[in-house]
Amino acid sequence: MLVRYGIRPDDLASRERVVTQRISRMMHDQHKLPGFRWWSAFSGDWHVAVLFLDLVDPTEMVYGTPDPLDLTHPAVLGAGKELKIAVAKP
């Protein structure tokens, strides 16, 4: 898909917002994709999902129950460990 859309992997994983916004704008404006997913610059195991609300039918979107996060939540602790960031004890 990267070759199809002319996207370099290092641009996609860039931490420079202007670079990733340019890619998003191209996917929206030129290719009219309702959304896409790419890997995080922090870890290839993490993904970012982007939806363009003007190209998605909101009646077809399904939401799950939110999982409130706090400093003891396993996802927060796992992210801190992965990023080597100490999570303060509440």
N, C-alpha and C. Protein backbone atom coordinates (compact mmCIF):
# COMPACT_ATOMS: atom_id res chain seq x y z
N MET A 1 0.83 -1.19 0.00
CA MET A 1 0.00 0.00 0.00
C MET A 1 0.87 1.26 0.00
N LEU A 2 2.03 1.18 0.67
CA LEU A 2 2.90 2.35 0.68
C LEU A 2 3.37 2.69 -0.73
N VAL A 3 3.75 1.68 -1.50
CA VAL A 3 4.18 1.91 -2.89
C VAL A 3 3.02 2.44 -3.71
N ARG A 4 1.85 1.86 -3.51
CA ARG A 4 0.66 2.28 -4.26
C ARG A 4 0.38 3.77 -4.09
N TYR A 5 0.55 4.26 -2.87
CA TYR A 5 0.25 5.66 -2.58
C TYR A 5 1.50 6.54 -2.55
N GLY A 6 2.66 5.98 -2.85
CA GLY A 6 3.89 6.77 -2.92
C GLY A 6 4.35 7.31 -1.59
N ILE A 7 4.19 6.50 -0.54
CA ILE A 7 4.57 6.94 0.81
C ILE A 7 5.82 6.19 1.25
N ARG A 8 6.80 6.93 1.73
CA ARG A 8 8.02 6.31 2.24
C ARG A 8 7.79 5.87 3.69
N PRO A 9 8.25 4.67 4.06
CA PRO A 9 8.06 4.20 5.44
C PRO A 9 8.61 5.15 6.49
N ASP A 10 9.75 5.79 6.22
CA ASP A 10 10.31 6.70 7.21
C ASP A 10 9.48 7.96 7.36
N ASP A 11 8.76 8.37 6.31
CA ASP A 11 7.84 9.50 6.44
C ASP A 11 6.62 9.11 7.28
N LEU A 12 6.13 7.92 7.04
CA LEU A 12 4.95 7.45 7.76
C LEU A 12 5.22 7.33 9.26
N ALA A 13 6.42 6.94 9.61
CA ALA A 13 6.78 6.78 11.02
C ALA A 13 7.41 8.04 11.60
N SER A 14 7.34 9.13 10.89
CA SER A 14 7.95 10.38 11.33
C SER A 14 7.27 10.91 12.58
N ARG A 15 8.06 11.52 13.42
CA ARG A 15 7.51 12.21 14.59
C ARG A 15 7.27 13.68 14.29
N GLU A 16 7.48 14.06 13.04
CA GLU A 16 7.25 15.44 12.60
C GLU A 16 5.79 15.56 12.14
N ARG A 17 5.03 16.31 12.88
CA ARG A 17 3.59 16.41 12.61
C ARG A 17 3.29 16.92 11.20
N VAL A 18 4.08 17.84 10.71
CA VAL A 18 3.84 18.40 9.37
C VAL A 18 3.97 17.30 8.31
N VAL A 19 4.86 16.34 8.52
CA VAL A 19 5.05 15.24 7.56
C VAL A 19 3.84 14.31 7.58
N THR A 20 3.40 13.90 8.77
CA THR A 20 2.27 12.97 8.85
C THR A 20 0.96 13.64 8.46
N GLN A 21 0.83 14.93 8.74
CA GLN A 21 -0.38 15.64 8.31
C GLN A 21 -0.44 15.74 6.79
N ARG A 22 0.70 15.92 6.16
CA ARG A 22 0.74 15.96 4.69
C ARG A 22 0.27 14.62 4.11
N ILE A 23 0.70 13.52 4.72
CA ILE A 23 0.27 12.20 4.27
C ILE A 23 -1.24 12.05 4.48
N SER A 24 -1.72 12.44 5.63
CA SER A 24 -3.16 12.33 5.91
C SER A 24 -3.98 13.16 4.92
N ARG A 25 -3.52 14.37 4.65
CA ARG A 25 -4.24 15.24 3.71
C ARG A 25 -4.28 14.61 2.32
N MET A 26 -3.18 14.00 1.90
CA MET A 26 -3.14 13.35 0.59
C MET A 26 -4.13 12.18 0.55
N MET A 27 -4.15 11.38 1.62
CA MET A 27 -5.06 10.22 1.66
C MET A 27 -6.51 10.69 1.62
N HIS A 28 -6.81 11.81 2.24
CA HIS A 28 -8.15 12.37 2.26
C HIS A 28 -8.49 13.03 0.93
N ASP A 29 -7.68 13.99 0.52
CA ASP A 29 -8.01 14.82 -0.64
C ASP A 29 -7.86 14.10 -1.97
N GLN A 30 -6.77 13.38 -2.15
CA GLN A 30 -6.50 12.75 -3.44
C GLN A 30 -7.14 11.37 -3.59
N HIS A 31 -7.14 10.61 -2.50
CA HIS A 31 -7.58 9.21 -2.59
C HIS A 31 -8.96 8.96 -1.99
N LYS A 32 -9.51 9.95 -1.29
CA LYS A 32 -10.86 9.87 -0.72
C LYS A 32 -11.06 8.63 0.15
N LEU A 33 -10.01 8.25 0.89
CA LEU A 33 -10.14 7.11 1.79
C LEU A 33 -10.92 7.54 3.03
N PRO A 34 -11.82 6.70 3.52
CA PRO A 34 -12.56 7.06 4.73
C PRO A 34 -11.67 7.01 5.97
N GLY A 35 -10.56 6.32 5.86
CA GLY A 35 -9.63 6.22 6.98
C GLY A 35 -8.52 5.26 6.64
N PHE A 36 -7.57 5.16 7.54
CA PHE A 36 -6.47 4.22 7.37
C PHE A 36 -5.79 4.00 8.72
N ARG A 37 -4.90 3.02 8.74
CA ARG A 37 -4.16 2.68 9.96
C ARG A 37 -2.69 2.60 9.63
N TRP A 38 -1.85 3.13 10.53
CA TRP A 38 -0.41 2.96 10.34
C TRP A 38 0.23 2.72 11.68
N TRP A 39 1.49 2.29 11.65
CA TRP A 39 2.18 1.95 12.88
C TRP A 39 2.71 3.22 13.55
N SER A 40 2.87 3.11 14.84
CA SER A 40 3.35 4.23 15.64
C SER A 40 4.86 4.39 15.48
N ALA A 41 5.33 5.61 15.58
CA ALA A 41 6.77 5.87 15.56
C ALA A 41 7.43 5.34 16.82
N PHE A 42 6.64 5.14 17.88
CA PHE A 42 7.20 4.63 19.13
C PHE A 42 7.47 3.14 19.06
N SER A 43 6.54 2.39 18.48
CA SER A 43 6.68 0.93 18.42
C SER A 43 5.83 0.41 17.27
N GLY A 44 6.40 -0.50 16.49
CA GLY A 44 5.66 -1.09 15.38
C GLY A 44 4.46 -1.91 15.82
N ASP A 45 4.43 -2.30 17.10
CA ASP A 45 3.29 -3.06 17.62
C ASP A 45 2.09 -2.17 17.91
N TRP A 46 2.30 -0.87 17.99
CA TRP A 46 1.22 0.07 18.26
C TRP A 46 0.76 0.66 16.95
N HIS A 47 -0.52 0.89 16.83
CA HIS A 47 -1.06 1.43 15.59
C HIS A 47 -1.91 2.67 15.86
N VAL A 48 -1.95 3.51 14.87
CA VAL A 48 -2.77 4.72 14.91
C VAL A 48 -3.88 4.53 13.89
N ALA A 49 -5.11 4.76 14.28
CA ALA A 49 -6.24 4.69 13.35
C ALA A 49 -6.73 6.11 13.10
N VAL A 50 -6.88 6.44 11.83
CA VAL A 50 -7.33 7.77 11.42
C VAL A 50 -8.64 7.60 10.66
N LEU A 51 -9.67 8.33 11.07
CA LEU A 51 -10.94 8.36 10.35
C LEU A 51 -11.22 9.79 9.93
N PHE A 52 -11.65 9.96 8.70
CA PHE A 52 -12.03 11.27 8.20
C PHE A 52 -13.56 11.35 8.32
N LEU A 53 -14.03 12.09 9.29
CA LEU A 53 -15.44 12.10 9.61
C LEU A 53 -16.32 12.61 8.48
N ASP A 54 -15.76 13.41 7.57
CA ASP A 54 -16.55 13.86 6.43
C ASP A 54 -16.66 12.79 5.34
N LEU A 55 -15.88 11.71 5.47
CA LEU A 55 -15.92 10.63 4.48
C LEU A 55 -16.46 9.32 5.07
N VAL A 56 -16.90 9.37 6.31
CA VAL A 56 -17.43 8.18 7.00
C VAL A 56 -18.89 8.42 7.34
N ASP A 57 -19.70 7.40 7.16
CA ASP A 57 -21.10 7.50 7.56
C ASP A 57 -21.17 7.26 9.06
N PRO A 58 -21.46 8.29 9.86
CA PRO A 58 -21.46 8.13 11.31
C PRO A 58 -22.48 7.11 11.81
N THR A 59 -23.51 6.82 11.02
CA THR A 59 -24.50 5.84 11.47
C THR A 59 -23.94 4.41 11.40
N GLU A 60 -22.83 4.23 10.69
CA GLU A 60 -22.22 2.90 10.59
C GLU A 60 -21.10 2.69 11.60
N MET A 61 -20.80 3.72 12.37
CA MET A 61 -19.73 3.60 13.36
C MET A 61 -20.29 2.98 14.64
N VAL A 62 -19.53 2.07 15.20
CA VAL A 62 -19.93 1.40 16.44
C VAL A 62 -18.86 1.68 17.48
N TYR A 63 -19.29 2.10 18.65
CA TYR A 63 -18.37 2.39 19.74
C TYR A 63 -18.56 1.38 20.84
N GLY A 64 -17.47 1.01 21.46
CA GLY A 64 -17.53 0.15 22.64
C GLY A 64 -17.63 1.00 23.89
N THR A 65 -17.71 0.34 25.00
CA THR A 65 -17.75 1.03 26.28
C THR A 65 -16.35 1.59 26.58
N PRO A 66 -16.25 2.87 26.91
CA PRO A 66 -14.93 3.44 27.21
C PRO A 66 -14.31 2.77 28.43
N ASP A 67 -13.01 2.65 28.41
CA ASP A 67 -12.26 2.09 29.53
C ASP A 67 -11.49 3.25 30.15
N PRO A 68 -11.98 3.81 31.25
CA PRO A 68 -11.29 4.95 31.87
C PRO A 68 -9.85 4.60 32.23
N LEU A 69 -8.94 5.50 31.92
CA LEU A 69 -7.54 5.28 32.23
C LEU A 69 -7.14 6.06 33.47
N ASP A 70 -6.27 5.47 34.25
CA ASP A 70 -5.64 6.17 35.37
C ASP A 70 -4.23 5.59 35.51
N LEU A 71 -3.49 6.07 36.47
CA LEU A 71 -2.08 5.67 36.60
C LEU A 71 -1.89 4.23 37.05
N THR A 72 -2.98 3.53 37.41
CA THR A 72 -2.86 2.13 37.79
C THR A 72 -3.37 1.19 36.69
N HIS A 73 -3.90 1.75 35.62
CA HIS A 73 -4.46 0.93 34.54
C HIS A 73 -3.34 0.15 33.85
N PRO A 74 -3.56 -1.14 33.59
CA PRO A 74 -2.52 -1.95 32.93
C PRO A 74 -2.02 -1.38 31.60
N ALA A 75 -2.89 -0.74 30.82
CA ALA A 75 -2.46 -0.15 29.55
C ALA A 75 -1.51 1.02 29.78
N VAL A 76 -1.78 1.83 30.80
CA VAL A 76 -0.91 2.96 31.12
C VAL A 76 0.43 2.45 31.63
N LEU A 77 0.40 1.46 32.51
CA LEU A 77 1.63 0.89 33.04
C LEU A 77 2.45 0.23 31.93
N GLY A 78 1.77 -0.49 31.03
CA GLY A 78 2.46 -1.14 29.92
C GLY A 78 3.09 -0.13 28.97
N ALA A 79 2.38 0.95 28.68
CA ALA A 79 2.93 1.99 27.80
C ALA A 79 4.13 2.65 28.45
N GLY A 80 4.03 2.94 29.74
CA GLY A 80 5.17 3.54 30.45
C GLY A 80 6.38 2.64 30.42
N LYS A 81 6.17 1.35 30.63
CA LYS A 81 7.28 0.39 30.59
C LYS A 81 7.90 0.35 29.20
N GLU A 82 7.06 0.27 28.18
CA GLU A 82 7.54 0.20 26.79
C GLU A 82 8.33 1.44 26.41
N LEU A 83 7.86 2.60 26.86
CA LEU A 83 8.51 3.86 26.52
C LEU A 83 9.62 4.25 27.51
N LYS A 84 9.82 3.38 28.51
CA LYS A 84 10.83 3.63 29.55
C LYS A 84 10.57 4.95 30.28
N ILE A 85 9.28 5.15 30.61
CA ILE A 85 8.85 6.32 31.35
C ILE A 85 8.28 5.83 32.68
N ALA A 86 8.80 6.36 33.77
CA ALA A 86 8.29 5.98 35.08
C ALA A 86 6.89 6.56 35.26
N VAL A 87 5.95 5.71 35.64
CA VAL A 87 4.59 6.16 35.92
C VAL A 87 4.48 6.43 37.41
N ALA A 88 4.12 7.66 37.76
CA ALA A 88 4.03 8.05 39.15
C ALA A 88 2.95 7.25 39.85
N LYS A 89 3.22 6.90 41.06
CA LYS A 89 2.21 6.20 41.86
C LYS A 89 1.18 7.22 42.32
N PRO A 90 -0.11 6.84 42.23
CA PRO A 90 -1.17 7.79 42.64
C PRO A 90 -1.14 8.08 44.13
